[in-house]
């Protein structure tokens, strides 16, 4: 397994990206709540999906 030693992301770009992503994430959470899922279920599912995508980007094995 490869070890991730460091990852550098501009704080300003990260903040800008969060501003763009957050409204859609909140909409996604609301739609899932309306579909009957709990906030915990939604956040776990989203976290797993993000971890899988992050593993691909970082070329590391996924545990999911």
Protein backbone atom coordinates (compact mmCIF):
# COMPACT_ATOMS: atom_id res chain seq x y z
CA UNK A 1 0.00 0.00 0.00
CA UNK A 2 1.32 3.43 -0.92
CA UNK A 3 1.62 5.95 1.86
CA UNK A 4 0.41 9.48 1.34
CA UNK A 5 3.22 11.65 2.70
CA UNK A 6 1.86 15.08 1.87
CA UNK A 7 -0.76 16.88 -0.12
CA UNK A 8 -0.59 20.61 -0.72
CA UNK A 9 -3.76 22.48 -1.54
CA UNK A 10 -4.03 26.25 -1.64
CA UNK A 11 -6.19 27.41 1.24
CA UNK A 12 -7.76 30.08 -0.96
CA UNK A 13 -8.60 27.62 -3.76
CA UNK A 14 -9.95 25.13 -1.23
CA UNK A 15 -12.21 27.80 0.25
CA UNK A 16 -13.41 28.82 -3.22
CA UNK A 17 -14.07 25.20 -4.13
CA UNK A 18 -16.05 24.63 -0.93
CA UNK A 19 -18.18 27.67 -1.74
CA UNK A 20 -19.03 26.10 -5.12
CA UNK A 21 -19.58 22.54 -3.84
CA UNK A 22 -21.50 23.20 -0.62
CA UNK A 23 -24.86 24.30 -2.09
CA UNK A 24 -25.06 21.18 -4.27
CA UNK A 25 -24.04 18.99 -1.33
CA UNK A 26 -26.78 20.51 0.82
CA UNK A 27 -29.30 19.93 -1.99
CA UNK A 28 -28.13 16.30 -2.28
CA UNK A 29 -28.51 15.79 1.47
CA UNK A 30 -32.00 17.31 1.41
CA UNK A 31 -33.09 15.07 -1.50
CA UNK A 32 -31.80 12.00 0.30
CA UNK A 33 -33.58 13.04 3.52
CA UNK A 34 -36.79 13.41 1.49
CA UNK A 35 -36.21 9.88 0.17
CA UNK A 36 -36.28 8.56 3.73
CA UNK A 37 -32.60 8.21 4.59
CA UNK A 38 -31.23 9.51 7.89
CA UNK A 39 -28.62 12.25 7.96
CA UNK A 40 -26.14 9.70 9.35
CA UNK A 41 -26.80 7.27 6.48
CA UNK A 42 -26.38 10.04 3.94
CA UNK A 43 -23.14 11.36 5.40
CA UNK A 44 -21.65 7.87 5.61
CA UNK A 45 -22.63 7.14 2.00
CA UNK A 46 -21.22 10.46 0.79
CA UNK A 47 -18.02 9.92 2.81
CA UNK A 48 -17.56 6.47 1.27
CA UNK A 49 -18.08 7.83 -2.24
CA UNK A 50 -15.62 10.65 -1.63
CA UNK A 51 -13.06 8.21 -0.18
CA UNK A 52 -13.37 6.00 -3.27
CA UNK A 53 -12.87 8.96 -5.62
CA UNK A 54 -10.00 10.28 -3.53
CA UNK A 55 -8.28 6.89 -3.63
CA UNK A 56 -8.48 6.89 -7.42
CA UNK A 57 -7.08 10.43 -7.67
CA UNK A 58 -4.26 9.65 -5.24
CA UNK A 59 -3.70 6.20 -6.83
CA UNK A 60 -4.08 4.43 -3.51
CA UNK A 61 -6.10 1.31 -2.73
CA UNK A 62 -9.61 1.88 -1.46
CA UNK A 63 -10.90 0.15 1.66
CA UNK A 64 -14.53 0.41 0.53
